Protein backbone atom coordinates (compact mmCIF):
# COMPACT_ATOMS: atom_id res chain seq x y z
CA ASP A 1 87.93 142.47 51.35
CA LEU A 2 89.99 145.46 50.18
CA ASN A 3 86.84 147.53 49.46
CA MET A 4 87.81 147.94 45.80
CA GLU A 5 85.51 148.34 42.81
CA VAL A 6 86.02 145.30 40.56
CA ILE A 7 85.81 145.93 36.81
CA GLU A 8 85.45 142.49 35.22
CA THR A 9 85.63 141.31 31.63
CA ASN A 10 86.02 137.93 30.00
CA ALA A 11 88.90 137.78 27.52
CA SER A 12 87.33 134.92 25.56
CA ASP A 13 84.23 137.05 24.87
CA THR A 14 85.93 140.42 24.19
CA ARG A 15 88.50 138.75 21.97
CA THR A 16 89.50 141.43 19.47
CA LYS A 17 91.66 144.50 19.85
CA GLY A 18 88.71 146.85 19.36
CA ALA A 19 86.44 145.05 21.83
CA LEU A 20 89.11 144.93 24.53
CA GLU A 21 90.05 148.57 24.05
CA SER A 22 86.48 149.80 24.29
CA LYS A 23 85.86 147.70 27.39
CA LEU A 24 89.04 148.41 29.33
CA ARG A 25 91.16 151.31 28.09
CA GLU A 26 89.14 154.17 29.60
CA THR A 27 88.67 152.20 32.81
CA THR A 28 92.38 151.52 33.23
CA LYS A 29 93.48 155.11 32.59
CA SER A 30 90.77 157.44 33.81
CA ARG A 31 90.43 158.95 37.22
CA GLY A 32 87.66 161.48 37.51
CA ILE A 33 88.04 164.84 39.26
CA MET A 34 85.82 163.58 42.09
CA ASP A 35 88.41 160.88 42.84
CA PHE A 36 90.64 163.65 44.19
CA VAL A 37 87.86 165.45 46.10
CA VAL A 38 86.16 162.53 47.82
CA GLN A 39 87.54 159.22 48.98
CA SER A 40 86.23 156.91 46.26
CA LYS A 41 86.81 153.20 45.87
CA LYS A 42 90.00 152.07 44.18
CA LYS A 43 89.54 150.00 41.04
CA LEU A 44 90.70 146.47 40.39
CA ILE A 45 90.65 145.18 36.79
CA LEU A 46 89.82 141.47 36.48
CA ILE A 47 90.31 139.77 33.09
CA ASP A 48 89.00 136.22 33.22
CA GLU A 49 89.78 133.32 30.85
CA ILE A 50 92.90 134.91 29.41
CA ASP A 51 93.80 131.47 28.03
CA GLY A 52 90.69 131.68 25.83
CA LEU A 53 92.56 133.87 23.33
CA TYR A 54 93.66 131.96 20.27
CA GLY A 55 93.72 131.97 16.48
CA VAL A 56 93.49 134.59 13.76
CA THR A 57 90.26 136.17 15.04
CA ASP A 58 92.03 137.17 18.27
CA ARG A 59 94.92 138.94 16.58
CA GLY A 60 95.79 142.18 18.35
CA ALA A 61 94.24 141.16 21.68
CA VAL A 62 97.51 140.29 23.46
CA PRO A 63 99.37 143.49 22.38
CA THR A 64 96.32 145.48 23.53
CA ILE A 65 96.44 143.84 26.96
CA LEU A 66 100.20 144.49 27.17
CA SER A 67 99.60 148.16 26.37
CA LEU A 68 96.90 148.38 29.03
CA ILE A 69 99.23 146.83 31.62
CA GLU A 70 101.98 149.34 30.86
CA ASN A 71 99.67 152.38 31.01
CA THR A 72 97.22 151.51 33.76
CA GLN A 73 96.93 153.32 37.10
CA PHE A 74 95.09 150.35 38.59
CA PRO A 75 96.11 146.77 39.42
CA ILE A 76 95.12 144.10 36.90
CA ILE A 77 94.50 140.44 37.73
CA MET A 78 94.24 137.90 34.91
CA CYS A 79 92.91 134.37 35.36
CA SER A 80 93.91 131.34 33.33
CA ASN A 81 93.36 127.59 33.63
CA GLN A 82 96.02 126.52 31.14
CA TYR A 83 99.52 127.49 30.03
CA LYS A 84 99.41 128.75 26.43
CA GLN A 85 102.44 129.13 24.14
CA ASN A 86 100.87 132.09 22.31
CA LEU A 87 100.77 134.08 25.57
CA GLN A 88 104.57 133.99 26.10
CA SER A 89 104.96 137.74 25.54
CA LEU A 90 102.32 138.36 28.20
CA TYR A 91 103.86 135.94 30.71
CA LYS A 92 107.18 137.84 30.54
CA LYS A 93 105.53 141.09 31.69
CA ILE A 94 103.55 139.83 34.67
CA ARG A 95 103.94 137.97 37.92
CA ARG A 96 102.43 134.51 37.80
CA TYR A 97 100.95 132.68 40.76
CA GLU A 98 99.65 129.12 40.83
CA VAL A 99 96.46 128.64 42.82
CA ASN A 100 96.01 125.00 43.77
CA PRO A 101 92.59 123.38 44.26
CA LEU A 102 91.35 123.40 47.84
CA PRO A 103 91.67 120.10 49.74
CA ASP A 104 88.40 118.18 49.86
CA GLU A 105 88.35 118.48 53.66
CA GLU A 106 88.38 122.29 53.49
CA VAL A 107 85.67 122.39 50.82
CA LEU A 108 83.53 120.01 52.89
CA LYS A 109 83.78 122.29 55.95
CA ILE A 110 82.66 125.30 53.90
CA ALA A 111 79.88 123.32 52.20
CA ARG A 112 78.53 122.16 55.57
CA LYS A 113 78.42 125.77 56.80
CA ILE A 114 76.52 126.86 53.68
CA VAL A 115 73.97 124.05 54.10
CA VAL A 116 73.34 125.05 57.72
CA LYS A 117 73.34 128.83 57.17
CA GLU A 118 71.08 128.69 54.09
CA ASN A 119 68.87 126.00 55.67
CA ILE A 120 69.16 123.69 52.65
CA SER A 121 67.05 120.58 53.16
CA GLY A 122 67.18 117.18 51.50
CA ILE A 123 70.95 116.99 51.06
CA SER A 124 72.97 114.27 52.77
CA GLU A 125 76.66 113.95 53.61
CA LYS A 126 76.90 111.53 50.69
CA ASP A 127 75.47 114.20 48.36
CA LEU A 128 78.00 116.76 49.62
CA ASN A 129 80.90 114.39 48.98
CA LEU A 130 79.60 113.67 45.47
CA ILE A 131 79.33 117.40 44.69
CA ILE A 132 82.86 118.03 46.00
CA LYS A 133 84.30 115.10 44.05
CA LYS A 134 82.80 116.17 40.72
CA ASN A 135 83.95 119.79 41.18
CA GLU A 136 87.58 118.73 41.74
CA GLY A 137 88.44 121.31 44.38
CA ASP A 138 86.59 124.18 42.66
CA LEU A 139 84.75 125.92 45.51
CA ARG A 140 82.78 128.15 43.14
CA GLY A 141 81.39 125.07 41.39
CA VAL A 142 80.35 123.58 44.74
CA ILE A 143 78.57 126.81 45.72
CA ASN A 144 76.80 126.92 42.33
CA ASP A 145 75.54 123.36 42.83
CA LEU A 146 74.35 124.07 46.38
CA GLN A 147 72.54 127.16 45.13
CA GLY A 148 70.77 125.12 42.48
CA ILE A 149 69.74 122.41 44.93
CA SER A 150 68.45 125.00 47.42
CA GLN A 151 66.32 126.64 44.70
CA GLY A 152 64.93 123.28 43.60
CA SER A 153 64.75 121.65 47.04
CA LEU A 154 61.19 120.43 46.39
CA ASP A 155 62.19 118.87 43.08
CA ARG A 156 63.98 115.55 43.46
CA ASN A 157 64.63 115.36 39.72
CA ALA A 158 66.27 118.81 39.67
CA LYS A 159 68.56 117.70 42.50
CA GLU A 160 69.57 114.54 40.62
CA LEU A 161 70.22 116.60 37.50
CA ILE A 162 72.60 118.90 39.39
CA LEU A 163 74.38 116.00 41.09
CA ASN A 164 74.94 114.31 37.72
CA LEU A 165 76.17 117.40 35.84
CA ASN A 166 79.94 117.48 35.66
CA ARG A 167 81.86 120.51 36.90
CA ASP A 168 82.48 121.96 33.45
CA SER A 169 78.77 121.76 32.52
CA THR A 170 77.62 123.65 35.60
CA GLU A 171 80.34 126.29 35.32
CA GLU A 172 79.80 126.73 31.59
CA ILE A 173 76.06 127.30 31.98
CA PHE A 174 76.53 129.97 34.67
CA SER A 175 79.25 131.69 32.64
CA LEU A 176 77.21 131.49 29.43
CA ILE A 177 74.11 133.10 30.98
CA ARG A 178 76.15 135.94 32.51
CA ASN A 179 78.03 136.60 29.27
CA LEU A 180 74.84 136.56 27.18
CA PHE A 181 73.07 139.14 29.33
CA GLU A 182 76.07 141.25 30.41
CA ASN A 183 78.52 141.26 27.50
CA VAL A 184 76.57 140.66 24.28
CA ASN A 185 75.75 143.76 22.20
CA THR A 186 75.02 142.32 18.75
CA LEU A 187 73.25 139.32 17.26
CA LYS A 188 76.56 138.10 15.85
CA GLU A 189 78.13 138.09 19.33
CA ALA A 190 75.17 136.13 20.73
CA ARG A 191 75.43 133.65 17.86
CA ASN A 192 79.18 133.18 18.33
CA LEU A 193 78.75 132.66 22.06
CA THR A 194 76.07 129.98 21.70
CA ASN A 195 77.95 128.30 18.83
CA ARG A 196 81.04 127.88 21.03
CA SER A 197 78.98 126.39 23.84
CA ASP A 198 78.38 122.67 24.35
CA VAL A 199 75.22 123.31 26.41
CA ASP A 200 72.14 121.55 25.00
CA TYR A 201 69.99 124.15 23.21
CA ASN A 202 66.74 122.96 24.84
CA PHE A 203 68.41 123.17 28.26
CA LEU A 204 69.82 126.63 27.49
CA TYR A 205 66.35 127.82 26.41
CA LYS A 206 65.01 126.94 29.88
CA TRP A 207 67.90 128.79 31.59
CA ILE A 208 67.31 131.96 29.58
CA ASN A 209 63.57 131.77 30.22
CA GLU A 210 64.21 131.44 33.97
CA ASN A 211 66.76 134.26 34.24
CA LEU A 212 65.63 136.95 31.82
CA THR A 213 63.52 138.78 34.45
CA SER A 214 66.62 139.12 36.63
CA TYR A 215 68.32 141.18 33.92
CA ILE A 216 65.37 142.75 32.07
CA ARG A 217 63.13 145.00 34.20
CA GLN A 218 61.53 147.54 31.84
CA ASN A 219 58.01 146.54 30.78
CA SER A 220 58.56 147.31 27.09
CA GLU A 221 61.80 145.31 27.09
CA LEU A 222 60.16 142.39 28.90
CA SER A 223 57.39 142.41 26.32
CA ASN A 224 59.93 142.21 23.47
CA ALA A 225 61.92 139.49 25.24
CA TYR A 226 58.88 137.27 25.80
CA GLU A 227 57.69 137.92 22.24
CA ASN A 228 61.03 136.65 20.90
CA LEU A 229 60.94 133.72 23.31
CA SER A 230 57.45 132.72 22.18
CA LEU A 231 58.45 133.01 18.50
CA ALA A 232 61.45 130.79 19.20
CA ASP A 233 59.17 128.25 20.86
CA GLU A 234 56.83 128.34 17.84
CA ILE A 235 59.73 127.73 15.45
CA PHE A 236 61.01 124.84 17.56
CA GLY A 237 57.50 123.35 17.49
CA ARG A 238 57.66 123.36 13.68
CA ILE A 239 61.11 121.80 13.79
CA ARG A 240 59.92 118.92 15.98
CA LYS A 241 56.64 118.41 14.10
CA ASN A 242 57.97 118.58 10.53
CA GLN A 243 61.68 117.82 11.10
CA TYR A 244 62.65 121.18 9.56
CA TRP A 245 66.08 121.27 11.22
CA SER A 246 67.23 123.95 8.79
CA LEU A 247 65.18 126.37 10.96
CA LEU A 248 67.35 125.70 14.03
CA PRO A 249 69.61 128.78 13.50
CA TYR A 250 66.50 131.01 13.65
CA PHE A 251 65.49 129.32 16.91
CA PHE A 252 68.93 130.15 18.35
CA ASP A 253 68.84 133.73 17.11
CA LEU A 254 65.42 134.40 18.66
CA PHE A 255 65.78 132.77 22.07
CA ALA A 256 69.38 133.85 22.68
CA GLY A 257 70.09 136.97 20.62
CA GLY A 258 66.51 138.20 20.41
CA VAL A 259 65.95 137.92 24.15
CA VAL A 260 69.22 139.41 25.44
CA LEU A 261 69.19 142.22 22.87
CA SER A 262 65.74 143.24 24.10
CA ARG A 263 67.62 144.66 27.06
CA LYS A 264 68.37 148.27 26.09
CA TYR A 265 68.36 149.94 29.51
CA ARG A 266 71.56 149.29 31.46
CA THR A 267 72.90 151.30 34.36
CA GLN A 268 76.61 151.88 34.88
CA ASP A 269 76.52 150.48 38.42
CA GLU A 270 74.23 147.49 38.32
CA SER A 271 73.66 145.21 41.27
CA PHE A 272 74.77 141.60 41.23
CA HIS A 273 72.47 139.34 39.21
CA ARG A 274 71.78 135.97 40.78
CA ILE A 275 71.67 133.15 38.24
CA MET A 276 68.72 130.83 38.90
CA PHE A 277 68.42 127.16 38.00
CA PRO A 278 65.36 126.42 35.83
CA ARG A 279 62.41 125.37 37.95
CA PHE A 280 60.97 123.31 35.11
CA THR A 281 62.86 120.13 34.22
CA SER A 282 62.37 117.62 31.44
CA THR A 283 60.18 115.59 33.81
CA GLY A 284 57.57 118.35 33.75
CA PHE A 285 57.85 119.14 37.46
CA PHE A 286 57.97 122.67 38.87
CA SER A 287 59.54 123.37 42.26
CA LEU A 288 57.22 125.95 43.80
CA THR A 289 57.21 127.47 47.26
CA ALA A 290 54.03 127.25 49.33
CA ASN A 291 53.24 130.87 48.46
CA GLU A 292 53.78 130.23 44.74
CA ARG A 293 51.69 127.07 44.89
CA SER A 294 48.79 129.04 46.43
CA PHE A 295 49.25 131.75 43.77
CA VAL A 296 49.10 129.19 40.94
CA GLY A 297 46.09 127.48 42.52
CA LYS A 298 44.06 130.72 42.57
CA ILE A 299 44.72 131.28 38.86
CA GLN A 300 43.64 127.70 38.16
CA LYS A 301 40.33 128.35 39.96
CA LYS A 302 39.52 130.95 37.30
CA TYR A 303 41.02 129.19 34.28
CA LYS A 304 41.41 125.52 33.33
CA VAL A 305 45.17 125.60 32.76
CA SER A 306 48.14 123.46 33.81
CA ASP A 307 50.96 124.43 36.17
CA ILE A 308 53.24 124.79 33.15
CA GLU A 309 50.87 127.18 31.40
CA VAL A 310 50.48 129.30 34.54
CA VAL A 311 54.23 129.66 35.12
CA GLN A 312 55.32 130.06 31.50
CA ASP A 313 52.38 132.03 30.08
CA PHE A 314 50.12 133.57 32.73
CA ILE A 315 52.63 134.90 35.27
CA PRO A 316 54.81 136.87 32.77
CA PHE A 317 51.64 138.36 31.23
CA LEU A 318 50.13 139.26 34.62
CA LYS A 319 53.42 140.93 35.64
CA LEU A 320 53.28 143.10 32.54
CA LEU A 321 49.66 144.06 33.20
CA SER A 322 50.16 144.81 36.89
CA GLY A 323 53.25 146.89 36.12
CA THR A 324 51.23 149.46 34.19
CA SER A 325 49.59 151.00 37.29
CA ARG A 326 48.68 150.40 40.92
CA LYS A 327 45.02 150.36 39.92
CA GLN A 328 45.66 147.51 37.49
CA LEU A 329 47.55 145.59 40.20
CA LYS A 330 44.62 146.03 42.62
CA GLU A 331 42.04 144.94 40.05
CA LEU A 332 44.02 141.80 39.19
CA SER A 333 44.57 141.01 42.87
CA ASP A 334 40.87 141.44 43.64
CA TRP A 335 39.83 139.28 40.69
CA PHE A 336 42.15 136.39 41.63
CA GLU A 337 41.77 137.04 45.39
CA PHE A 338 45.54 137.31 45.92
CA ASP A 339 46.72 138.12 49.44
CA ALA A 340 49.57 140.55 50.25
CA ASN A 341 52.32 137.92 49.89
CA GLU A 342 50.90 136.67 46.60
CA ARG A 343 50.70 140.22 45.22
CA LYS A 344 54.46 140.52 45.73
CA LEU A 345 54.93 137.82 43.08
CA LEU A 346 53.53 140.25 40.50
CA LYS A 347 56.10 142.96 41.29
């Protein structure tokens, strides 16, 4: 609303003095020469989950934040869900505001508008009230749930899954995916992040598989990401078949760390990444649009494969092939007899 550039970090994921300094210090102090020549956006620093700092491993983080506050040229907003005794020195230096949950009536009005504006089908007033109740006044959680239901509107099981997830589960999954792809720079960081999470590893695997193409765009990086994902799947197959649970850490490292660290190319000013709910649930049902269903059907005319194999194996491979050249895209489209709308699915 204020037309400011928001620089966001999560205190619970950049927990040490060094990590916080590298993420925020230059941002909070620097103003480039062009800021005085042209009218550029003002910056707003947002530090989320400040109450996530605790213990010996976080030593130095609070003094670093205090130093940043005292030296910054830009406003800083910090978010916290709980009062923490170890943050007393920080509380004395800042203004604190309590933000109460929205009344259910207000959330319901907003939810109804979203349902109408986004043309979300298959959701009743009873469903809306259930979503609002489980999110306890958290509007962001309600919006996340509505997004998931709209993406899986053809999948009744996906809808029931979302309705039955509690607020913390939904919020944690969205936060975990963003942090993995946006804030993780080493395998150790990826491992620590997944170890702290209560999200089921099989469920998390599906979320990463669904969202990696939103963050990873370079063909070589996509190839590495899917290679790590397939190796993780192979290891998990051995675990299930032979009960070799000692291999589970390698499964985590490959599907979480291996995938997100395949992303080498990052721009300074990236667009917003929309987190997508997995379209494949434990029931084995994919929610496909009419265009996607036609696309899958044409592949199945050429090869005797299941829906699952098309979505998980064929489509990523065809995207890599078609991305090499326009000629390759045309040859694939001619072979499968894809129309113009179906060709867009390969881009």
